């Protein structure tokens, strides 16, 4: 947005990861491989989660909306099925932070809560605590003397 200072999601994610690492959270990555016999090919890659500590998975997501839902509805289930986590925490911005102060396409705690409520419970779900964060906004006006 021209002429407007916005929060940088990549920098915020990086800072969260740095601070969490200092507190014992470790990034976990494992290789995946899928055979596609219809095409005669193999797809290789990896899955990674921002942090794991005491079998709790943690994802910090200030990016696009689809990644927030993927983290909770797919990624955390995959890590649970691998025996890496038992439950998860998803950190996302509150609407009051994402709408005016971040680029377009960033979701919010409120939107995620709505979608999960309307989706309902699934037999593959694991417990995930969704944390909405905001910033303390201060006035740039000088304080009266």
N, C-alpha and C. Protein backbone atom coordinates (compact mmCIF):
# COMPACT_ATOMS: atom_id res chain seq x y z
N UNK A 1 0.85 -1.17 0.00
CA UNK A 1 0.00 0.00 0.00
C UNK A 1 0.89 1.23 0.00
N UNK A 2 0.80 2.00 -1.05
CA UNK A 2 1.65 3.16 -1.23
C UNK A 2 1.41 4.17 -0.11
N UNK A 3 2.47 4.64 0.48
CA UNK A 3 2.40 5.69 1.48
C UNK A 3 1.95 5.23 2.86
N UNK A 4 1.80 3.92 3.08
CA UNK A 4 1.36 3.43 4.39
C UNK A 4 2.36 2.41 4.93
N UNK A 5 2.78 2.60 6.16
CA UNK A 5 3.68 1.65 6.81
C UNK A 5 2.87 0.46 7.30
N UNK A 6 3.31 -0.75 6.93
CA UNK A 6 2.61 -1.96 7.31
C UNK A 6 3.55 -2.88 8.09
N UNK A 7 2.96 -3.78 8.90
CA UNK A 7 3.76 -4.80 9.57
C UNK A 7 4.25 -5.78 8.51
N UNK A 8 5.45 -6.30 8.68
CA UNK A 8 6.04 -7.25 7.74
C UNK A 8 5.88 -8.67 8.30
N UNK A 9 4.93 -9.45 7.76
CA UNK A 9 4.68 -10.80 8.29
C UNK A 9 5.93 -11.68 8.37
N UNK A 10 6.78 -11.66 7.35
CA UNK A 10 7.98 -12.52 7.37
C UNK A 10 8.90 -12.13 8.52
N UNK A 11 9.06 -10.83 8.74
CA UNK A 11 9.94 -10.37 9.83
C UNK A 11 9.33 -10.72 11.19
N UNK A 12 8.00 -10.60 11.29
CA UNK A 12 7.33 -10.94 12.55
C UNK A 12 7.47 -12.43 12.84
N UNK A 13 7.25 -13.28 11.82
CA UNK A 13 7.42 -14.73 12.00
C UNK A 13 8.84 -15.05 12.44
N UNK A 14 9.82 -14.42 11.79
CA UNK A 14 11.23 -14.67 12.11
C UNK A 14 11.52 -14.28 13.57
N UNK A 15 11.01 -13.16 14.02
CA UNK A 15 11.25 -12.72 15.40
C UNK A 15 10.57 -13.65 16.40
N UNK A 16 9.34 -14.09 16.11
CA UNK A 16 8.68 -15.06 16.98
C UNK A 16 9.52 -16.32 17.09
N UNK A 17 10.01 -16.84 15.96
CA UNK A 17 10.80 -18.06 15.96
C UNK A 17 12.09 -17.88 16.77
N UNK A 18 12.71 -16.71 16.64
CA UNK A 18 13.94 -16.44 17.40
C UNK A 18 13.65 -16.47 18.90
N UNK A 19 12.59 -15.79 19.31
CA UNK A 19 12.24 -15.74 20.73
C UNK A 19 11.82 -17.11 21.26
N UNK A 20 11.07 -17.86 20.46
CA UNK A 20 10.65 -19.19 20.89
C UNK A 20 11.83 -20.15 20.99
N UNK A 21 12.78 -20.04 20.08
CA UNK A 21 13.97 -20.87 20.11
C UNK A 21 14.75 -20.65 21.40
N UNK A 22 14.80 -19.41 21.84
CA UNK A 22 15.49 -19.09 23.10
C UNK A 22 14.80 -19.75 24.29
N UNK A 23 13.54 -20.13 24.13
CA UNK A 23 12.77 -20.74 25.21
C UNK A 23 12.58 -22.25 25.03
N UNK A 24 13.38 -22.83 24.14
CA UNK A 24 13.39 -24.28 24.02
C UNK A 24 12.49 -24.88 22.95
N UNK A 25 11.81 -24.06 22.16
CA UNK A 25 11.00 -24.59 21.06
C UNK A 25 11.92 -24.90 19.89
N UNK A 26 11.77 -26.07 19.28
CA UNK A 26 12.63 -26.47 18.18
C UNK A 26 11.82 -26.68 16.91
N UNK A 27 12.32 -26.17 15.79
CA UNK A 27 11.72 -26.43 14.49
C UNK A 27 11.92 -27.90 14.17
N UNK A 28 10.87 -28.56 13.68
CA UNK A 28 10.96 -29.97 13.31
C UNK A 28 10.56 -30.12 11.85
N UNK A 29 11.38 -30.87 11.12
CA UNK A 29 11.14 -31.13 9.70
C UNK A 29 11.35 -32.62 9.44
N UNK A 30 10.48 -33.20 8.63
CA UNK A 30 10.70 -34.58 8.21
C UNK A 30 10.38 -34.73 6.73
N UNK A 31 11.05 -35.69 6.10
CA UNK A 31 10.88 -35.93 4.67
C UNK A 31 9.59 -36.68 4.40
N UNK A 32 8.99 -36.37 3.25
CA UNK A 32 7.81 -37.10 2.79
C UNK A 32 8.05 -37.54 1.35
N UNK A 33 7.39 -38.64 0.99
CA UNK A 33 7.50 -39.16 -0.36
C UNK A 33 6.18 -39.81 -0.73
N UNK A 34 5.66 -39.48 -1.89
CA UNK A 34 4.40 -40.01 -2.35
C UNK A 34 4.56 -40.58 -3.75
N UNK A 35 4.14 -41.82 -3.89
CA UNK A 35 4.18 -42.47 -5.21
C UNK A 35 2.91 -42.09 -5.97
N UNK A 36 3.06 -41.77 -7.24
CA UNK A 36 1.93 -41.48 -8.12
C UNK A 36 2.02 -42.47 -9.28
N UNK A 37 1.51 -43.71 -9.08
CA UNK A 37 1.67 -44.75 -10.10
C UNK A 37 0.99 -44.41 -11.42
N UNK A 38 -0.09 -43.65 -11.36
CA UNK A 38 -0.79 -43.28 -12.59
C UNK A 38 0.09 -42.45 -13.51
N UNK A 39 1.05 -41.74 -12.92
CA UNK A 39 1.97 -40.91 -13.71
C UNK A 39 3.36 -41.53 -13.78
N UNK A 40 3.56 -42.62 -13.05
CA UNK A 40 4.88 -43.24 -13.01
C UNK A 40 5.91 -42.34 -12.36
N UNK A 41 5.50 -41.59 -11.33
CA UNK A 41 6.43 -40.66 -10.70
C UNK A 41 6.36 -40.73 -9.18
N UNK A 42 7.34 -40.11 -8.58
CA UNK A 42 7.43 -40.00 -7.14
C UNK A 42 7.57 -38.52 -6.79
N UNK A 43 6.78 -38.09 -5.85
CA UNK A 43 6.86 -36.72 -5.37
C UNK A 43 7.56 -36.73 -4.02
N UNK A 44 8.62 -35.92 -3.90
CA UNK A 44 9.39 -35.85 -2.66
C UNK A 44 9.33 -34.43 -2.10
N UNK A 45 9.38 -34.31 -0.81
CA UNK A 45 9.39 -33.00 -0.17
C UNK A 45 9.60 -33.16 1.32
N UNK A 46 9.06 -32.23 2.07
CA UNK A 46 9.17 -32.28 3.53
C UNK A 46 8.00 -31.54 4.14
N UNK A 47 7.78 -31.79 5.41
CA UNK A 47 6.82 -31.04 6.21
C UNK A 47 7.61 -30.46 7.38
N UNK A 48 7.28 -29.21 7.71
CA UNK A 48 8.00 -28.51 8.79
C UNK A 48 7.00 -27.79 9.66
N UNK A 49 7.28 -27.79 10.95
CA UNK A 49 6.46 -27.06 11.91
C UNK A 49 7.37 -26.09 12.65
N UNK A 50 6.84 -24.89 12.94
CA UNK A 50 7.67 -23.82 13.52
C UNK A 50 8.34 -24.21 14.82
N UNK A 51 7.61 -24.91 15.69
CA UNK A 51 8.20 -25.27 16.97
C UNK A 51 7.52 -26.47 17.60
N UNK A 52 8.32 -27.25 18.32
CA UNK A 52 7.80 -28.37 19.10
C UNK A 52 8.50 -28.35 20.45
N UNK A 53 7.72 -28.50 21.50
CA UNK A 53 8.26 -28.58 22.85
C UNK A 53 7.29 -29.42 23.68
N UNK A 54 7.80 -30.46 24.32
CA UNK A 54 6.96 -31.33 25.15
C UNK A 54 5.75 -31.87 24.40
N UNK A 55 5.95 -32.26 23.12
CA UNK A 55 4.92 -32.84 22.25
C UNK A 55 3.77 -31.87 21.95
N UNK A 56 4.05 -30.57 22.10
CA UNK A 56 3.11 -29.52 21.69
C UNK A 56 3.67 -28.88 20.44
N UNK A 57 2.86 -28.82 19.38
CA UNK A 57 3.28 -28.19 18.14
C UNK A 57 2.87 -26.73 18.12
N UNK A 58 3.70 -25.90 17.52
CA UNK A 58 3.43 -24.46 17.48
C UNK A 58 3.63 -23.93 16.08
N UNK A 59 2.65 -23.19 15.60
CA UNK A 59 2.76 -22.50 14.31
C UNK A 59 2.43 -21.03 14.53
N UNK A 60 3.28 -20.16 14.00
CA UNK A 60 3.05 -18.72 14.02
C UNK A 60 2.73 -18.34 12.58
N UNK A 61 1.53 -17.76 12.36
CA UNK A 61 1.11 -17.52 10.99
C UNK A 61 0.55 -16.11 10.81
N UNK A 62 1.35 -15.27 10.19
CA UNK A 62 0.92 -13.93 9.83
C UNK A 62 0.80 -13.80 8.32
N UNK A 63 0.80 -14.93 7.64
CA UNK A 63 0.71 -14.95 6.18
C UNK A 63 -0.72 -15.06 5.70
N UNK A 64 -0.87 -15.59 4.52
CA UNK A 64 -2.17 -15.69 3.87
C UNK A 64 -3.11 -16.63 4.62
N UNK A 65 -4.40 -16.39 4.46
CA UNK A 65 -5.43 -17.12 5.16
C UNK A 65 -5.34 -18.63 4.98
N UNK A 66 -5.09 -19.09 3.76
CA UNK A 66 -5.08 -20.53 3.49
C UNK A 66 -4.06 -21.27 4.36
N UNK A 67 -2.95 -20.63 4.69
CA UNK A 67 -1.94 -21.29 5.51
C UNK A 67 -2.43 -21.49 6.94
N UNK A 68 -3.24 -20.56 7.46
CA UNK A 68 -3.76 -20.71 8.82
C UNK A 68 -4.63 -21.95 8.92
N UNK A 69 -5.56 -22.11 7.98
CA UNK A 69 -6.45 -23.26 7.99
C UNK A 69 -5.67 -24.55 7.73
N UNK A 70 -4.70 -24.51 6.81
CA UNK A 70 -3.88 -25.69 6.54
C UNK A 70 -3.15 -26.13 7.80
N UNK A 71 -2.57 -25.18 8.54
CA UNK A 71 -1.83 -25.53 9.75
C UNK A 71 -2.67 -26.34 10.72
N UNK A 72 -3.91 -25.88 10.95
CA UNK A 72 -4.77 -26.51 11.95
C UNK A 72 -5.46 -27.76 11.40
N UNK A 73 -5.95 -27.70 10.18
CA UNK A 73 -6.75 -28.79 9.64
C UNK A 73 -5.93 -29.91 9.01
N UNK A 74 -4.69 -29.65 8.64
CA UNK A 74 -3.88 -30.69 7.99
C UNK A 74 -2.51 -30.87 8.65
N UNK A 75 -1.72 -29.82 8.72
CA UNK A 75 -0.34 -29.96 9.18
C UNK A 75 -0.24 -30.54 10.59
N UNK A 76 -1.02 -30.00 11.52
CA UNK A 76 -0.91 -30.50 12.90
C UNK A 76 -1.37 -31.94 13.00
N UNK A 77 -2.36 -32.34 12.20
CA UNK A 77 -2.80 -33.73 12.18
C UNK A 77 -1.68 -34.63 11.65
N UNK A 78 -0.98 -34.18 10.61
CA UNK A 78 0.14 -34.95 10.05
C UNK A 78 1.22 -35.14 11.11
N UNK A 79 1.58 -34.10 11.84
CA UNK A 79 2.61 -34.21 12.86
C UNK A 79 2.16 -35.08 14.02
N UNK A 80 0.87 -35.07 14.33
CA UNK A 80 0.34 -35.94 15.38
C UNK A 80 0.41 -37.40 14.92
N UNK A 81 0.05 -37.66 13.68
CA UNK A 81 0.10 -39.04 13.14
C UNK A 81 1.53 -39.57 13.10
N UNK A 82 2.52 -38.69 13.00
CA UNK A 82 3.93 -39.09 13.01
C UNK A 82 4.46 -39.27 14.44
N UNK A 83 3.63 -39.01 15.45
CA UNK A 83 4.04 -39.16 16.84
C UNK A 83 4.89 -38.01 17.36
N UNK A 84 4.90 -36.89 16.64
CA UNK A 84 5.75 -35.76 17.01
C UNK A 84 5.04 -34.83 18.00
N UNK A 85 3.72 -34.66 17.83
CA UNK A 85 2.96 -33.79 18.73
C UNK A 85 1.68 -34.49 19.17
N UNK A 86 1.13 -34.02 20.29
CA UNK A 86 -0.17 -34.49 20.78
C UNK A 86 -1.24 -33.42 20.62
N UNK A 87 -0.82 -32.17 20.58
CA UNK A 87 -1.75 -31.04 20.46
C UNK A 87 -0.98 -29.87 19.87
N UNK A 88 -1.68 -28.77 19.59
CA UNK A 88 -1.01 -27.66 18.94
C UNK A 88 -1.46 -26.29 19.41
N UNK A 89 -0.68 -25.31 19.03
CA UNK A 89 -0.97 -23.89 19.27
C UNK A 89 -0.77 -23.17 17.95
N UNK A 90 -1.75 -22.38 17.54
CA UNK A 90 -1.66 -21.58 16.31
C UNK A 90 -1.75 -20.12 16.72
N UNK A 91 -0.74 -19.33 16.40
CA UNK A 91 -0.70 -17.90 16.74
C UNK A 91 -1.02 -17.11 15.47
N UNK A 92 -2.07 -16.29 15.54
CA UNK A 92 -2.54 -15.52 14.38
C UNK A 92 -2.87 -14.09 14.82
N UNK A 93 -2.91 -13.15 13.88
CA UNK A 93 -3.25 -11.77 14.26
C UNK A 93 -4.75 -11.60 14.51
N UNK A 94 -5.09 -10.71 15.39
CA UNK A 94 -6.49 -10.31 15.58
C UNK A 94 -6.90 -9.44 14.39
N UNK A 95 -8.18 -9.36 14.16
CA UNK A 95 -8.70 -8.54 13.05
C UNK A 95 -8.25 -7.09 13.20
N UNK A 96 -8.21 -6.59 14.43
CA UNK A 96 -7.82 -5.20 14.66
C UNK A 96 -6.38 -4.92 14.25
N UNK A 97 -5.57 -5.98 14.13
CA UNK A 97 -4.19 -5.81 13.67
C UNK A 97 -4.08 -6.10 12.17
N UNK A 98 -4.74 -7.16 11.71
CA UNK A 98 -4.54 -7.59 10.32
C UNK A 98 -5.19 -6.66 9.31
N UNK A 99 -6.35 -6.13 9.61
CA UNK A 99 -7.06 -5.33 8.61
C UNK A 99 -6.37 -3.99 8.29
N UNK A 100 -6.13 -3.18 9.29
CA UNK A 100 -5.57 -1.88 8.90
C UNK A 100 -4.06 -1.86 8.74
N UNK A 101 -3.36 -2.83 9.34
CA UNK A 101 -1.91 -2.70 9.45
C UNK A 101 -1.10 -3.78 8.74
N UNK A 102 -1.76 -4.65 7.96
CA UNK A 102 -1.04 -5.70 7.25
C UNK A 102 -1.51 -5.73 5.80
N UNK A 103 -0.74 -6.40 4.94
CA UNK A 103 -1.10 -6.47 3.53
C UNK A 103 -2.41 -7.24 3.35
N UNK A 104 -2.98 -7.15 2.17
CA UNK A 104 -4.24 -7.83 1.91
C UNK A 104 -4.04 -9.34 1.88
N UNK A 105 -5.09 -10.07 2.20
CA UNK A 105 -5.04 -11.53 2.17
C UNK A 105 -4.65 -12.16 3.49
N UNK A 106 -4.27 -11.35 4.48
CA UNK A 106 -3.94 -11.88 5.80
C UNK A 106 -5.25 -12.07 6.56
N UNK A 107 -5.41 -13.21 7.13
CA UNK A 107 -6.63 -13.52 7.86
C UNK A 107 -6.55 -13.01 9.28
N UNK A 108 -7.52 -13.42 10.08
CA UNK A 108 -7.56 -12.98 11.47
C UNK A 108 -8.08 -14.10 12.35
N UNK A 109 -7.88 -13.93 13.64
CA UNK A 109 -8.41 -14.85 14.64
C UNK A 109 -9.92 -15.01 14.46
N UNK A 110 -10.60 -13.89 14.27
CA UNK A 110 -12.06 -13.93 14.16
C UNK A 110 -12.52 -14.74 12.94
N UNK A 111 -11.84 -14.58 11.81
CA UNK A 111 -12.22 -15.33 10.61
C UNK A 111 -11.92 -16.82 10.79
N UNK A 112 -10.80 -17.12 11.40
CA UNK A 112 -10.44 -18.52 11.63
C UNK A 112 -11.43 -19.18 12.58
N UNK A 113 -11.79 -18.48 13.63
CA UNK A 113 -12.77 -19.00 14.60
C UNK A 113 -14.10 -19.29 13.91
N UNK A 114 -14.55 -18.37 13.08
CA UNK A 114 -15.81 -18.56 12.35
C UNK A 114 -15.74 -19.79 11.46
N UNK A 115 -14.67 -19.92 10.67
CA UNK A 115 -14.56 -21.07 9.77
C UNK A 115 -14.51 -22.39 10.51
N UNK A 116 -13.78 -22.45 11.61
CA UNK A 116 -13.69 -23.69 12.37
C UNK A 116 -15.03 -24.04 13.02
N UNK A 117 -15.75 -23.03 13.50
CA UNK A 117 -17.08 -23.29 14.07
C UNK A 117 -18.03 -23.82 13.01
N UNK A 118 -18.03 -23.22 11.83
CA UNK A 118 -18.93 -23.65 10.76
C UNK A 118 -18.49 -24.99 10.16
N UNK A 119 -17.20 -25.28 10.15
CA UNK A 119 -16.71 -26.56 9.65
C UNK A 119 -17.17 -27.70 10.53
N UNK A 120 -17.15 -27.46 11.85
CA UNK A 120 -17.53 -28.51 12.80
C UNK A 120 -16.36 -29.42 13.13
N UNK A 121 -16.63 -30.38 14.00
CA UNK A 121 -15.61 -31.31 14.47
C UNK A 121 -15.43 -32.44 13.47
N UNK A 122 -14.18 -32.88 13.30
CA UNK A 122 -13.86 -33.99 12.41
C UNK A 122 -13.18 -35.08 13.23
N UNK A 123 -13.28 -36.31 12.78
CA UNK A 123 -12.66 -37.42 13.52
C UNK A 123 -11.14 -37.41 13.43
N UNK A 124 -10.54 -36.55 12.61
CA UNK A 124 -9.07 -36.47 12.56
C UNK A 124 -8.53 -35.28 13.35
N UNK A 125 -9.40 -34.49 13.93
CA UNK A 125 -8.95 -33.30 14.66
C UNK A 125 -8.12 -33.67 15.88
N UNK A 126 -7.17 -32.79 16.20
CA UNK A 126 -6.44 -32.87 17.45
C UNK A 126 -6.69 -31.54 18.18
N UNK A 127 -6.49 -31.51 19.49
CA UNK A 127 -6.70 -30.24 20.21
C UNK A 127 -5.70 -29.18 19.74
N UNK A 128 -6.22 -28.02 19.35
CA UNK A 128 -5.38 -26.89 18.94
C UNK A 128 -5.93 -25.64 19.61
N UNK A 129 -5.04 -24.92 20.28
CA UNK A 129 -5.39 -23.67 20.93
C UNK A 129 -5.03 -22.54 19.97
N UNK A 130 -6.02 -21.75 19.58
CA UNK A 130 -5.79 -20.64 18.66
C UNK A 130 -5.57 -19.38 19.50
N UNK A 131 -4.44 -18.69 19.27
CA UNK A 131 -4.10 -17.49 20.02
C UNK A 131 -4.12 -16.30 19.07
N UNK A 132 -4.96 -15.32 19.35
CA UNK A 132 -4.98 -14.09 18.57
C UNK A 132 -4.12 -13.04 19.23
N UNK A 133 -3.24 -12.41 18.46
CA UNK A 133 -2.34 -11.40 19.01
C UNK A 133 -2.61 -10.05 18.35
N UNK A 134 -2.29 -9.01 19.06
CA UNK A 134 -2.45 -7.65 18.57
C UNK A 134 -1.26 -6.86 19.09
N UNK A 135 -1.14 -5.63 18.66
CA UNK A 135 -0.08 -4.76 19.14
C UNK A 135 -0.69 -3.64 19.96
N UNK A 136 0.09 -3.17 20.88
CA UNK A 136 -0.36 -2.02 21.66
C UNK A 136 -0.06 -0.79 20.83
N UNK A 137 -1.10 -0.08 20.48
CA UNK A 137 -0.92 1.11 19.66
C UNK A 137 -0.74 2.31 20.56
N UNK A 138 0.28 3.07 20.25
CA UNK A 138 0.57 4.26 21.05
C UNK A 138 0.42 5.49 20.17
N UNK A 139 0.14 6.56 20.78
CA UNK A 139 0.01 7.81 20.06
C UNK A 139 1.40 8.34 19.73
N UNK A 140 1.54 8.85 18.52
CA UNK A 140 2.83 9.43 18.15
C UNK A 140 2.91 10.90 18.56
N UNK A 141 1.82 11.37 19.14
CA UNK A 141 1.81 12.77 19.60
C UNK A 141 2.68 12.91 20.83
N UNK A 142 3.42 14.01 20.93
CA UNK A 142 4.23 14.22 22.13
C UNK A 142 3.32 14.40 23.35
N UNK A 143 3.80 13.89 24.49
CA UNK A 143 3.04 14.05 25.72
C UNK A 143 3.14 15.49 26.19
N UNK A 144 2.05 15.99 26.76
CA UNK A 144 2.09 17.36 27.26
C UNK A 144 3.10 17.51 28.40
N UNK A 145 3.74 18.66 28.45
CA UNK A 145 4.77 18.91 29.47
C UNK A 145 4.15 19.22 30.81
